[in-house]
Amino acid sequence: MNTKPQSYRDLIVWQKGIELAKLLYPLTAGLPPDEKFGLVSQIRRAAVSVPSNIAEGQARHTTGEFVQFISHAEGSVAELDTQLYLSVELGFVTTEQATPSFELIGDLRRMLNALRRRLTGAA
């Protein structure tokens, strides 16, 4: 029986990436207008990058390329964690506002790491 996902849309990690982007877009809408080309742009770009890299990697159909794109997604998750942390530290968003995104970031970090390990056969 083949349990390989037919589409990246079947991957829970991709679905969580979409969920994170959907959380961050309205959150960044509340940042100061002078951050439009700073943190707002960077956060949104990184948020879109997570599920986009998962999708592109899965669509490449080779394990090596998929692992490479998972690494890109992991990098984007780390960027988001840093940018969101900075947004809280600068007082642009409250900890309470950021908590759901931080939780999803943690989930994505763990899921991407587990997926990469599974694909590479690492323990």
PDB file of N, CA and C in Angstrom:
ATOM      1  N   MET A   1       0.835  -1.184   0.000  1.00  0.00           N
ATOM      2  CA  MET A   1       0.000   0.000   0.000  1.00  0.00           C
ATOM      3  C   MET A   1       0.880   1.247   0.000  1.00  0.00           C
ATOM      4  N   ASN A   2       0.610   2.175  -0.897  1.00  0.00           N
ATOM      5  CA  ASN A   2       1.380   3.410  -1.001  1.00  0.00           C
ATOM      6  C   ASN A   2       0.756   4.471  -0.112  1.00  0.00           C
ATOM      7  N   THR A   3       1.525   4.944   0.885  1.00  0.00           N
ATOM      8  CA  THR A   3       1.018   5.967   1.797  1.00  0.00           C
ATOM      9  C   THR A   3       1.616   7.331   1.486  1.00  0.00           C
ATOM     10  N   LYS A   4       2.342   7.439   0.377  1.00  0.00           N
ATOM     11  CA  LYS A   4       2.938   8.713  -0.004  1.00  0.00           C
ATOM     12  C   LYS A   4       1.840   9.720  -0.342  1.00  0.00           C
ATOM     13  N   PRO A   5       1.962  10.942   0.172  1.00  0.00           N
ATOM     14  CA  PRO A   5       0.945  11.944  -0.137  1.00  0.00           C
ATOM     15  C   PRO A   5       0.864  12.181  -1.645  1.00  0.00           C
ATOM     16  N   GLN A   6      -0.339  12.349  -2.135  1.00  0.00           N
ATOM     17  CA  GLN A   6      -0.538  12.627  -3.551  1.00  0.00           C
ATOM     18  C   GLN A   6      -0.206  14.082  -3.877  1.00  0.00           C
ATOM     19  N   SER A   7      -0.318  14.945  -2.885  1.00  0.00           N
ATOM     20  CA  SER A   7      -0.107  16.370  -3.076  1.00  0.00           C
ATOM     21  C   SER A   7       0.492  16.959  -1.802  1.00  0.00           C
ATOM     22  N   TYR A   8       1.199  18.045  -1.959  1.00  0.00           N
ATOM     23  CA  TYR A   8       1.713  18.764  -0.781  1.00  0.00           C
ATOM     24  C   TYR A   8       0.557  19.222   0.099  1.00  0.00           C
ATOM     25  N   ARG A   9      -0.609  19.429  -0.465  1.00  0.00           N
ATOM     26  CA  ARG A   9      -1.772  19.851   0.319  1.00  0.00           C
ATOM     27  C   ARG A   9      -2.205  18.782   1.317  1.00  0.00           C
ATOM     28  N   ASP A  10      -1.784  17.539   1.093  1.00  0.00           N
ATOM     29  CA  ASP A  10      -2.087  16.449   2.018  1.00  0.00           C
ATOM     30  C   ASP A  10      -1.179  16.468   3.247  1.00  0.00           C
ATOM     31  N   LEU A  11      -0.093  17.208   3.185  1.00  0.00           N
ATOM     32  CA  LEU A  11       0.882  17.235   4.278  1.00  0.00           C
ATOM     33  C   LEU A  11       0.402  18.160   5.402  1.00  0.00           C
ATOM     34  N   ILE A  12       0.314  17.628   6.602  1.00  0.00           N
ATOM     35  CA  ILE A  12      -0.116  18.433   7.747  1.00  0.00           C
ATOM     36  C   ILE A  12       0.846  19.588   7.982  1.00  0.00           C
ATOM     37  N   VAL A  13       2.129  19.372   7.734  1.00  0.00           N
ATOM     38  CA  VAL A  13       3.111  20.435   7.930  1.00  0.00           C
ATOM     39  C   VAL A  13       2.844  21.599   6.965  1.00  0.00           C
ATOM     40  N   TRP A  14       2.436  21.298   5.734  1.00  0.00           N
ATOM     41  CA  TRP A  14       2.079  22.355   4.781  1.00  0.00           C
ATOM     42  C   TRP A  14       0.830  23.091   5.277  1.00  0.00           C
ATOM     43  N   GLN A  15      -0.166  22.334   5.751  1.00  0.00           N
ATOM     44  CA  GLN A  15      -1.410  22.928   6.251  1.00  0.00           C
ATOM     45  C   GLN A  15      -1.129  23.867   7.425  1.00  0.00           C
ATOM     46  N   LYS A  16      -0.219  23.463   8.312  1.00  0.00           N
ATOM     47  CA  LYS A  16       0.144  24.320   9.440  1.00  0.00           C
ATOM     48  C   LYS A  16       0.896  25.571   8.968  1.00  0.00           C
ATOM     49  N   GLY A  17       1.685  25.428   7.911  1.00  0.00           N
ATOM     50  CA  GLY A  17       2.363  26.590   7.343  1.00  0.00           C
ATOM     51  C   GLY A  17       1.369  27.604   6.804  1.00  0.00           C
ATOM     52  N   ILE A  18       0.325  27.118   6.148  1.00  0.00           N
ATOM     53  CA  ILE A  18      -0.742  27.995   5.656  1.00  0.00           C
ATOM     54  C   ILE A  18      -1.450  28.673   6.828  1.00  0.00           C
ATOM     55  N   GLU A  19      -1.721  27.899   7.861  1.00  0.00           N
ATOM     56  CA  GLU A  19      -2.380  28.431   9.052  1.00  0.00           C
ATOM     57  C   GLU A  19      -1.543  29.551   9.679  1.00  0.00           C
ATOM     58  N   LEU A  20      -0.228  29.357   9.742  1.00  0.00           N
ATOM     59  CA  LEU A  20       0.650  30.379  10.307  1.00  0.00           C
ATOM     60  C   LEU A  20       0.619  31.655   9.464  1.00  0.00           C
ATOM     61  N   ALA A  21       0.695  31.530   8.161  1.00  0.00           N
ATOM     62  CA  ALA A  21       0.640  32.708   7.288  1.00  0.00           C
ATOM     63  C   ALA A  21      -0.677  33.454   7.494  1.00  0.00           C
ATOM     64  N   LYS A  22      -1.767  32.698   7.627  1.00  0.00           N
ATOM     65  CA  LYS A  22      -3.073  33.323   7.833  1.00  0.00           C
ATOM     66  C   LYS A  22      -3.159  34.046   9.179  1.00  0.00           C
ATOM     67  N   LEU A  23      -2.420  33.584  10.171  1.00  0.00           N
ATOM     68  CA  LEU A  23      -2.369  34.275  11.466  1.00  0.00           C
ATOM     69  C   LEU A  23      -1.530  35.551  11.385  1.00  0.00           C
ATOM     70  N   LEU A  24      -0.425  35.462  10.643  1.00  0.00           N
ATOM     71  CA  LEU A  24       0.522  36.568  10.646  1.00  0.00           C
ATOM     72  C   LEU A  24       0.104  37.753   9.780  1.00  0.00           C
ATOM     73  N   TYR A  25      -0.653  37.518   8.727  1.00  0.00           N
ATOM     74  CA  TYR A  25      -1.075  38.641   7.879  1.00  0.00           C
ATOM     75  C   TYR A  25      -1.886  39.677   8.664  1.00  0.00           C
ATOM     76  N   PRO A  26      -2.955  39.280   9.363  1.00  0.00           N
ATOM     77  CA  PRO A  26      -3.684  40.295  10.127  1.00  0.00           C
ATOM     78  C   PRO A  26      -2.879  40.850  11.304  1.00  0.00           C
ATOM     79  N   LEU A  27      -2.018  40.023  11.887  1.00  0.00           N
ATOM     80  CA  LEU A  27      -1.191  40.502  12.992  1.00  0.00           C
ATOM     81  C   LEU A  27      -0.258  41.617  12.518  1.00  0.00           C
ATOM     82  N   THR A  28       0.331  41.439  11.351  1.00  0.00           N
ATOM     83  CA  THR A  28       1.258  42.458  10.841  1.00  0.00           C
ATOM     84  C   THR A  28       0.525  43.703  10.344  1.00  0.00           C
ATOM     85  N   ALA A  29      -0.757  43.585  10.050  1.00  0.00           N
ATOM     86  CA  ALA A  29      -1.523  44.754   9.617  1.00  0.00           C
ATOM     87  C   ALA A  29      -1.568  45.814  10.714  1.00  0.00           C
ATOM     88  N   GLY A  30      -1.384  45.380  11.970  1.00  0.00           N
ATOM     89  CA  GLY A  30      -1.415  46.312  13.093  1.00  0.00           C
ATOM     90  C   GLY A  30      -0.073  46.943  13.423  1.00  0.00           C
ATOM     91  N   LEU A  31       0.979  46.568  12.710  1.00  0.00           N
ATOM     92  CA  LEU A  31       2.285  47.166  12.961  1.00  0.00           C
ATOM     93  C   LEU A  31       2.295  48.613  12.454  1.00  0.00           C
ATOM     94  N   PRO A  32       3.199  49.431  12.977  1.00  0.00           N
ATOM     95  CA  PRO A  32       3.245  50.836  12.556  1.00  0.00           C
ATOM     96  C   PRO A  32       3.446  50.966  11.041  1.00  0.00           C
ATOM     97  N   PRO A  33       2.841  51.997  10.435  1.00  0.00           N
ATOM     98  CA  PRO A  33       2.961  52.195   8.986  1.00  0.00           C
ATOM     99  C   PRO A  33       4.411  52.294   8.501  1.00  0.00           C
ATOM    100  N   ASP A  34       5.297  52.832   9.331  1.00  0.00           N
ATOM    101  CA  ASP A  34       6.691  52.952   8.889  1.00  0.00           C
ATOM    102  C   ASP A  34       7.421  51.606   8.873  1.00  0.00           C
ATOM    103  N   GLU A  35       6.757  50.546   9.315  1.00  0.00           N
ATOM    104  CA  GLU A  35       7.332  49.193   9.241  1.00  0.00           C
ATOM    105  C   GLU A  35       6.835  48.427   8.019  1.00  0.00           C
ATOM    106  N   LYS A  36       6.051  49.088   7.157  1.00  0.00           N
ATOM    107  CA  LYS A  36       5.484  48.418   5.980  1.00  0.00           C
ATOM    108  C   LYS A  36       6.565  47.752   5.130  1.00  0.00           C
ATOM    109  N   PHE A  37       7.691  48.435   4.948  1.00  0.00           N
ATOM    110  CA  PHE A  37       8.763  47.873   4.125  1.00  0.00           C
ATOM    111  C   PHE A  37       9.865  47.241   4.978  1.00  0.00           C
ATOM    112  N   GLY A  38       9.636  47.187   6.282  1.00  0.00           N
ATOM    113  CA  GLY A  38      10.570  46.557   7.203  1.00  0.00           C
ATOM    114  C   GLY A  38      10.017  45.238   7.696  1.00  0.00           C
ATOM    115  N   LEU A  39       9.635  45.224   8.965  1.00  0.00           N
ATOM    116  CA  LEU A  39       9.171  43.982   9.583  1.00  0.00           C
ATOM    117  C   LEU A  39       7.928  43.398   8.916  1.00  0.00           C
ATOM    118  N   VAL A  40       6.989  44.233   8.521  1.00  0.00           N
ATOM    119  CA  VAL A  40       5.763  43.708   7.897  1.00  0.00           C
ATOM    120  C   VAL A  40       6.125  42.902   6.657  1.00  0.00           C
ATOM    121  N   SER A  41       6.931  43.497   5.797  1.00  0.00           N
ATOM    122  CA  SER A  41       7.328  42.836   4.559  1.00  0.00           C
ATOM    123  C   SER A  41       8.123  41.561   4.835  1.00  0.00           C
ATOM    124  N   GLN A  42       9.058  41.637   5.772  1.00  0.00           N
ATOM    125  CA  GLN A  42       9.889  40.467   6.075  1.00  0.00           C
ATOM    126  C   GLN A  42       9.078  39.320   6.681  1.00  0.00           C
ATOM    127  N   ILE A  43       8.188  39.652   7.606  1.00  0.00           N
ATOM    128  CA  ILE A  43       7.368  38.620   8.250  1.00  0.00           C
ATOM    129  C   ILE A  43       6.464  37.952   7.224  1.00  0.00           C
ATOM    130  N   ARG A  44       5.831  38.749   6.391  1.00  0.00           N
ATOM    131  CA  ARG A  44       4.923  38.173   5.394  1.00  0.00           C
ATOM    132  C   ARG A  44       5.673  37.325   4.370  1.00  0.00           C
ATOM    133  N   ARG A  45       6.828  37.800   3.950  1.00  0.00           N
ATOM    134  CA  ARG A  45       7.626  37.038   2.982  1.00  0.00           C
ATOM    135  C   ARG A  45       8.045  35.701   3.581  1.00  0.00           C
ATOM    136  N   ALA A  46       8.535  35.720   4.816  1.00  0.00           N
ATOM    137  CA  ALA A  46       8.965  34.482   5.469  1.00  0.00           C
ATOM    138  C   ALA A  46       7.775  33.551   5.723  1.00  0.00           C
ATOM    139  N   ALA A  47       6.625  34.121   6.087  1.00  0.00           N
ATOM    140  CA  ALA A  47       5.435  33.301   6.352  1.00  0.00           C
ATOM    141  C   ALA A  47       4.973  32.588   5.085  1.00  0.00           C
ATOM    142  N   VAL A  48       5.008  33.277   3.960  1.00  0.00           N
ATOM    143  CA  VAL A  48       4.613  32.670   2.689  1.00  0.00           C
ATOM    144  C   VAL A  48       5.657  31.640   2.254  1.00  0.00           C
ATOM    145  N   SER A  49       6.898  31.881   2.600  1.00  0.00           N
ATOM    146  CA  SER A  49       7.998  31.013   2.206  1.00  0.00           C
ATOM    147  C   SER A  49       7.898  29.612   2.821  1.00  0.00           C
ATOM    148  N   VAL A  50       7.361  29.514   4.029  1.00  0.00           N
ATOM    149  CA  VAL A  50       7.305  28.206   4.706  1.00  0.00           C
ATOM    150  C   VAL A  50       6.474  27.197   3.902  1.00  0.00           C
ATOM    151  N   PRO A  51       5.175  27.442   3.685  1.00  0.00           N
ATOM    152  CA  PRO A  51       4.420  26.441   2.919  1.00  0.00           C
ATOM    153  C   PRO A  51       4.850  26.382   1.452  1.00  0.00           C
ATOM    154  N   SER A  52       5.351  27.490   0.918  1.00  0.00           N
ATOM    155  CA  SER A  52       5.794  27.493  -0.487  1.00  0.00           C
ATOM    156  C   SER A  52       6.981  26.557  -0.685  1.00  0.00           C
ATOM    157  N   ASN A  53       7.938  26.577   0.232  1.00  0.00           N
ATOM    158  CA  ASN A  53       9.094  25.691   0.126  1.00  0.00           C
ATOM    159  C   ASN A  53       8.708  24.236   0.331  1.00  0.00           C
ATOM    160  N   ILE A  54       7.766  23.984   1.234  1.00  0.00           N
ATOM    161  CA  ILE A  54       7.286  22.610   1.434  1.00  0.00           C
ATOM    162  C   ILE A  54       6.629  22.119   0.147  1.00  0.00           C
ATOM    163  N   ALA A  55       5.800  22.953  -0.451  1.00  0.00           N
ATOM    164  CA  ALA A  55       5.103  22.581  -1.682  1.00  0.00           C
ATOM    165  C   ALA A  55       6.093  22.338  -2.820  1.00  0.00           C
ATOM    166  N   GLU A  56       7.031  23.259  -2.989  1.00  0.00           N
ATOM    167  CA  GLU A  56       7.988  23.107  -4.090  1.00  0.00           C
ATOM    168  C   GLU A  56       8.847  21.866  -3.898  1.00  0.00           C
ATOM    169  N   GLY A  57       9.286  21.628  -2.669  1.00  0.00           N
ATOM    170  CA  GLY A  57      10.113  20.454  -2.406  1.00  0.00           C
ATOM    171  C   GLY A  57       9.379  19.158  -2.676  1.00  0.00           C
ATOM    172  N   GLN A  58       8.125  19.070  -2.220  1.00  0.00           N
ATOM    173  CA  GLN A  58       7.352  17.839  -2.432  1.00  0.00           C
ATOM    174  C   GLN A  58       7.061  17.645  -3.914  1.00  0.00           C
ATOM    175  N   ALA A  59       6.872  18.728  -4.638  1.00  0.00           N
ATOM    176  CA  ALA A  59       6.557  18.639  -6.067  1.00  0.00           C
ATOM    177  C   ALA A  59       7.766  18.243  -6.912  1.00  0.00           C
ATOM    178  N   ARG A  60       8.973  18.364  -6.373  1.00  0.00           N
ATOM    179  CA  ARG A  60      10.184  18.007  -7.123  1.00  0.00           C
ATOM    180  C   ARG A  60      10.342  16.501  -7.291  1.00  0.00           C
ATOM    181  N   HIS A  61       9.712  15.722  -6.431  1.00  0.00           N
ATOM    182  CA  HIS A  61       9.682  14.253  -6.527  1.00  0.00           C
ATOM    183  C   HIS A  61      11.015  13.556  -6.275  1.00  0.00           C
ATOM    184  N   THR A  62      12.030  14.271  -5.810  1.00  0.00           N
ATOM    185  CA  THR A  62      13.256  13.580  -5.404  1.00  0.00           C
ATOM    186  C   THR A  62      13.498  13.892  -3.933  1.00  0.00           C
ATOM    187  N   THR A  63      13.933  12.894  -3.221  1.00  0.00           N
ATOM    188  CA  THR A  63      14.139  13.060  -1.781  1.00  0.00           C
ATOM    189  C   THR A  63      15.170  14.149  -1.481  1.00  0.00           C
ATOM    190  N   GLY A  64      16.265  14.160  -2.223  1.00  0.00           N
ATOM    191  CA  GLY A  64      17.313  15.146  -1.977  1.00  0.00           C
ATOM    192  C   GLY A  64      16.815  16.572  -2.129  1.00  0.00           C
ATOM    193  N   GLU A  65      16.049  16.810  -3.179  1.00  0.00           N
ATOM    194  CA  GLU A  65      15.514  18.161  -3.378  1.00  0.00           C
ATOM    195  C   GLU A  65      14.475  18.499  -2.319  1.00  0.00           C
ATOM    196  N   PHE A  66      13.649  17.523  -1.946  1.00  0.00           N
ATOM    197  CA  PHE A  66      12.653  17.761  -0.909  1.00  0.00           C
ATOM    198  C   PHE A  66      13.343  18.149   0.396  1.00  0.00           C
ATOM    199  N   VAL A  67      14.395  17.429   0.758  1.00  0.00           N
ATOM    200  CA  VAL A  67      15.141  17.745   1.979  1.00  0.00           C
ATOM    201  C   VAL A  67      15.726  19.154   1.907  1.00  0.00           C
ATOM    202  N   GLN A  68      16.246  19.538   0.756  1.00  0.00           N
ATOM    203  CA  GLN A  68      16.796  20.884   0.585  1.00  0.00           C
ATOM    204  C   GLN A  68      15.720  21.949   0.820  1.00  0.00           C
ATOM    205  N   PHE A  69      14.526  21.740   0.271  1.00  0.00           N
ATOM    206  CA  PHE A  69      13.449  22.715   0.443  1.00  0.00           C
ATOM    207  C   PHE A  69      12.904  22.710   1.866  1.00  0.00           C
ATOM    208  N   ILE A  70      12.940  21.565   2.532  1.00  0.00           N
ATOM    209  CA  ILE A  70      12.561  21.520   3.950  1.00  0.00           C
ATOM    210  C   ILE A  70      13.537  22.383   4.753  1.00  0.00           C
ATOM    211  N   SER A  71      14.813  22.318   4.390  1.00  0.00           N
ATOM    212  CA  SER A  71      15.817  23.160   5.057  1.00  0.00           C
ATOM    213  C   SER A  71      15.505  24.637   4.854  1.00  0.00           C
ATOM    214  N   HIS A  72      15.092  25.001   3.652  1.00  0.00           N
ATOM    215  CA  HIS A  72      14.707  26.397   3.398  1.00  0.00           C
ATOM    216  C   HIS A  72      13.516  26.785   4.274  1.00  0.00           C
ATOM    217  N   ALA A  73      12.544  25.897   4.382  1.00  0.00           N
ATOM    218  CA  ALA A  73      11.369  26.165   5.218  1.00  0.00           C
ATOM    219  C   ALA A  73      11.778  26.318   6.682  1.00  0.00           C
ATOM    220  N   GLU A  74      12.718  25.465   7.138  1.00  0.00           N
ATOM    221  CA  GLU A  74      13.208  25.575   8.521  1.00  0.00           C
ATOM    222  C   GLU A  74      13.878  26.929   8.751  1.00  0.00           C
ATOM    223  N   GLY A  75      14.610  27.398   7.762  1.00  0.00           N
ATOM    224  CA  GLY A  75      15.232  28.713   7.868  1.00  0.00           C
ATOM    225  C   GLY A  75      14.193  29.814   7.970  1.00  0.00           C
ATOM    226  N   SER A  76      13.138  29.719   7.189  1.00  0.00           N
ATOM    227  CA  SER A  76      12.073  30.714   7.233  1.00  0.00           C
ATOM    228  C   SER A  76      11.342  30.694   8.572  1.00  0.00           C
ATOM    229  N   VAL A  77      11.168  29.510   9.147  1.00  0.00           N
ATOM    230  CA  VAL A  77      10.542  29.401  10.470  1.00  0.00           C
ATOM    231  C   VAL A  77      11.420  30.095  11.516  1.00  0.00           C
ATOM    232  N   ALA A  78      12.731  29.912  11.430  1.00  0.00           N
ATOM    233  CA  ALA A  78      13.645  30.577  12.367  1.00  0.00           C
ATOM    234  C   ALA A  78      13.592  32.101  12.185  1.00  0.00           C
ATOM    235  N   GLU A  79      13.524  32.547  10.935  1.00  0.00           N
ATOM    236  CA  GLU A  79      13.376  33.985  10.669  1.00  0.00           C
ATOM    237  C   GLU A  79      12.107  34.525  11.318  1.00  0.00           C
ATOM    238  N   LEU A  80      10.994  33.809  11.128  1.00  0.00           N
ATOM    239  CA  LEU A  80       9.720  34.249  11.691  1.00  0.00           C
ATOM    240  C   LEU A  80       9.779  34.330  13.205  1.00  0.00           C
ATOM    241  N   ASP A  81      10.389  33.337  13.828  1.00  0.00           N
ATOM    242  CA  ASP A  81      10.522  33.339  15.278  1.00  0.00           C
ATOM    243  C   ASP A  81      11.262  34.593  15.733  1.00  0.00           C
ATOM    244  N   THR A  82      12.341  34.909  15.052  1.00  0.00           N
ATOM    245  CA  THR A  82      13.149  36.085  15.392  1.00  0.00           C
ATOM    246  C   THR A  82      12.377  37.378  15.144  1.00  0.00           C
ATOM    247  N   GLN A  83      11.730  37.479  14.001  1.00  0.00           N
ATOM    248  CA  GLN A  83      11.011  38.702  13.640  1.00  0.00           C
ATOM    249  C   GLN A  83       9.814  38.932  14.556  1.00  0.00           C
ATOM    250  N   LEU A  84       9.116  37.865  14.907  1.00  0.00           N
ATOM    251  CA  LEU A  84       7.986  37.992  15.817  1.00  0.00           C
ATOM    252  C   LEU A  84       8.462  38.359  17.218  1.00  0.00           C
ATOM    253  N   TYR A  85       9.546  37.737  17.649  1.00  0.00           N
ATOM    254  CA  TYR A  85      10.138  38.071  18.952  1.00  0.00           C
ATOM    255  C   TYR A  85      10.508  39.553  18.991  1.00  0.00           C
ATOM    256  N   LEU A  86      11.132  40.033  17.936  1.00  0.00           N
ATOM    257  CA  LEU A  86      11.512  41.437  17.860  1.00  0.00           C
ATOM    258  C   LEU A  86      10.280  42.348  17.873  1.00  0.00           C
ATOM    259  N   SER A  87       9.227  41.933  17.197  1.00  0.00           N
ATOM    260  CA  SER A  87       7.984  42.713  17.174  1.00  0.00           C
ATOM    261  C   SER A  87       7.396  42.850  18.575  1.00  0.00           C
ATOM    262  N   VAL A  88       7.496  41.791  19.366  1.00  0.00           N
ATOM    263  CA  VAL A  88       7.033  41.845  20.756  1.00  0.00           C
ATOM    264  C   VAL A  88       7.951  42.752  21.566  1.00  0.00           C
ATOM    265  N   GLU A  89       9.258  42.557  21.418  1.00  0.00           N
ATOM    266  CA  GLU A  89      10.227  43.353  22.174  1.00  0.00           C
ATOM    267  C   GLU A  89      10.103  44.849  21.875  1.00  0.00           C
ATOM    268  N   LEU A  90       9.759  45.193  20.634  1.00  0.00           N
ATOM    269  CA  LEU A  90       9.596  46.604  20.250  1.00  0.00           C
ATOM    270  C   LEU A  90       8.230  47.160  20.635  1.00  0.00           C
ATOM    271  N   GLY A  91       7.359  46.296  21.145  1.00  0.00           N
ATOM    272  CA  GLY A  91       6.038  46.733  21.577  1.00  0.00           C
ATOM    273  C   GLY A  91       5.032  46.881  20.449  1.00  0.00           C
ATOM    274  N   PHE A  92       5.332  46.312  19.300  1.00  0.00           N
ATOM    275  CA  PHE A  92       4.415  46.398  18.158  1.00  0.00           C
ATOM    276  C   PHE A  92       3.240  45.435  18.311  1.00  0.00           C
ATOM    277  N   VAL A  93       3.483  44.291  18.943  1.00  0.00           N
ATOM    278  CA  VAL A  93       2.423  43.323  19.253  1.00  0.00           C
ATOM    279  C   VAL A  93       2.626  42.854  20.686  1.00  0.00           C
ATOM    280  N   THR A  94       1.549  42.428  21.314  1.00  0.00           N
ATOM    281  CA  THR A  94       1.652  41.939  22.683  1.00  0.00           C
ATOM    282  C   THR A  94       2.034  40.455  22.672  1.00  0.00           C
ATOM    283  N   THR A  95       2.524  39.994  23.786  1.00  0.00           N
ATOM    284  CA  THR A  95       2.841  38.576  23.933  1.00  0.00           C
ATOM    285  C   THR A  95       1.593  37.737  23.687  1.00  0.00           C
ATOM    286  N   GLU A  96       0.457  38.207  24.207  1.00  0.00           N
ATOM    287  CA  GLU A  96      -0.806  37.484  24.029  1.00  0.00           C
ATOM    288  C   GLU A  96      -1.176  37.377  22.548  1.00  0.00           C
ATOM    289  N   GLN A  97      -0.956  38.454  21.797  1.00  0.00           N
ATOM    290  CA  GLN A  97      -1.251  38.428  20.363  1.00  0.00           C
ATOM    291  C   GLN A  97      -0.319  37.466  19.623  1.00  0.00           C
ATOM    292  N   ALA A  98       0.923  37.406  20.060  1.00  0.00           N
ATOM    293  CA  ALA A  98       1.938  36.606  19.369  1.00  0.00           C
ATOM    294  C   ALA A  98       1.918  35.128  19.752  1.00  0.00           C
ATOM    295  N   THR A  99       1.361  34.793  20.905  1.00  0.00           N
ATOM    296  CA  THR A  99       1.427  33.424  21.415  1.00  0.00           C
ATOM    297  C   THR A  99       0.919  32.364  20.435  1.00  0.00           C
ATOM    298  N   PRO A 100      -0.244  32.538  19.793  1.00  0.00           N
ATOM    299  CA  PRO A 100      -0.680  31.497  18.848  1.00  0.00           C
ATOM    300  C   PRO A 100       0.330  31.281  17.709  1.00  0.00           C
ATOM    301  N   SER A 101       0.950  32.349  17.238  1.00  0.00           N
ATOM    302  CA  SER A 101       1.953  32.224  16.174  1.00  0.00           C
ATOM    303  C   SER A 101       3.205  31.532  16.694  1.00  0.00           C
ATOM    304  N   PHE A 102       3.653  31.898  17.895  1.00  0.00           N
ATOM    305  CA  PHE A 102       4.821  31.230  18.479  1.00  0.00           C
ATOM    306  C   PHE A 102       4.563  29.729  18.646  1.00  0.00           C
ATOM    307  N   GLU A 103       3.336  29.359  19.042  1.00  0.00           N
ATOM    308  CA  GLU A 103       3.004  27.943  19.204  1.00  0.00           C
ATOM    309  C   GLU A 103       3.070  27.207  17.867  1.00  0.00           C
ATOM    310  N   LEU A 104       2.527  27.828  16.813  1.00  0.00           N
ATOM    311  CA  LEU A 104       2.590  27.205  15.485  1.00  0.00           C
ATOM    312  C   LEU A 104       4.023  27.130  14.980  1.00  0.00           C
ATOM    313  N   ILE A 105       4.807  28.146  15.263  1.00  0.00           N
ATOM    314  CA  ILE A 105       6.222  28.137  14.882  1.00  0.00           C
ATOM    315  C   ILE A 105       6.919  26.944  15.533  1.00  0.00           C
ATOM    316  N   GLY A 106       6.648  26.705  16.807  1.00  0.00           N
ATOM    317  CA  GLY A 106       7.229  25.555  17.502  1.00  0.00           C
ATOM    318  C   GLY A 106       6.778  24.241  16.887  1.00  0.00           C
ATOM    319  N   ASP A 107       5.485  24.147  16.576  1.00  0.00           N
ATOM    320  CA  ASP A 107       4.963  22.936  15.923  1.00  0.00           C
ATOM    321  C   ASP A 107       5.667  22.707  14.589  1.00  0.00           C
ATOM    322  N   LEU A 108       5.778  23.771  13.786  1.00  0.00           N
ATOM    323  CA  LEU A 108       6.404  23.654  12.470  1.00  0.00           C
ATOM    324  C   LEU A 108       7.864  23.262  12.582  1.00  0.00           C
ATOM    325  N   ARG A 109       8.565  23.835  13.539  1.00  0.00           N
ATOM    326  CA  ARG A 109       9.982  23.500  13.732  1.00  0.00           C
ATOM    327  C   ARG A 109      10.136  22.005  14.000  1.00  0.00           C
ATOM    328  N   ARG A 110       9.311  21.482  14.906  1.00  0.00           N
ATOM    329  CA  ARG A 110       9.376  20.059  15.254  1.00  0.00           C
ATOM    330  C   ARG A 110       8.965  19.180  14.068  1.00  0.00           C
ATOM    331  N   MET A 111       7.912  19.558  13.381  1.00  0.00           N
ATOM    332  CA  MET A 111       7.417  18.752  12.266  1.00  0.00           C
ATOM    333  C   MET A 111       8.401  18.733  11.093  1.00  0.00           C
ATOM    334  N   LEU A 112       8.979  19.882  10.779  1.00  0.00           N
ATOM    335  CA  LEU A 112       9.954  19.941   9.683  1.00  0.00           C
ATOM    336  C   LEU A 112      11.196  19.125  10.020  1.00  0.00           C
ATOM    337  N   ASN A 113      11.643  19.217  11.258  1.00  0.00           N
ATOM    338  CA  ASN A 113      12.803  18.451  11.703  1.00  0.00           C
ATOM    339  C   ASN A 113      12.516  16.950  11.600  1.00  0.00           C
ATOM    340  N   ALA A 114      11.338  16.545  12.045  1.00  0.00           N
ATOM    341  CA  ALA A 114      10.966  15.122  11.990  1.00  0.00           C
ATOM    342  C   ALA A 114      10.844  14.649  10.536  1.00  0.00           C
ATOM    343  N   LEU A 115      10.270  15.472   9.678  1.00  0.00           N
ATOM    344  CA  LEU A 115      10.126  15.105   8.270  1.00  0.00           C
ATOM    345  C   LEU A 115      11.494  14.964   7.609  1.00  0.00           C
ATOM    346  N   ARG A 116      12.382  15.909   7.880  1.00  0.00           N
ATOM    347  CA  ARG A 116      13.734  15.836   7.326  1.00  0.00           C
ATOM    348  C   ARG A 116      14.447  14.578   7.794  1.00  0.00           C
ATOM    349  N   ARG A 117      14.343  14.254   9.093  1.00  0.00           N
ATOM    350  CA  ARG A 117      14.983  13.049   9.634  1.00  0.00           C
ATOM    351  C   ARG A 117      14.401  11.796   8.990  1.00  0.00           C
ATOM    352  N   ARG A 118      13.091  11.768   8.802  1.00  0.00           N
ATOM    353  CA  ARG A 118      12.453  10.600   8.187  1.00  0.00           C
ATOM    354  C   ARG A 118      12.926  10.420   6.739  1.00  0.00           C
ATOM    355  N   LEU A 119      13.019  11.523   6.015  1.00  0.00           N
ATOM    356  CA  LEU A 119      13.422  11.439   4.619  1.00  0.00           C
ATOM    357  C   LEU A 119      14.893  11.048   4.445  1.00  0.00           C
ATOM    358  N   THR A 120      15.722  11.460   5.393  1.00  0.00           N
ATOM    359  CA  THR A 120      17.154  11.154   5.276  1.00  0.00           C
ATOM    360  C   THR A 120      17.527   9.857   5.992  1.00  0.00           C
ATOM    361  N   GLY A 121      16.568   9.277   6.716  1.00  0.00           N
ATOM    362  CA  GLY A 121      16.839   8.041   7.432  1.00  0.00           C
ATOM    363  C   GLY A 121      17.637   8.263   8.700  1.00  0.00           C
ATOM    364  N   ALA A 122      17.735   9.530   9.135  1.00  0.00           N
ATOM    365  CA  ALA A 122      18.477   9.850  10.381  1.00  0.00           C
ATOM    366  C   ALA A 122      17.609   9.500  11.577  1.00  0.00           C
ATOM    367  N   ALA A 123      18.271   9.057  12.627  1.00  0.00           N
ATOM    368  CA  ALA A 123      17.542   8.670  13.847  1.00  0.00           C
ATOM    369  C   ALA A 123      17.241   9.861  14.707  1.00  0.00           C
TER     370      ALA A 123
END
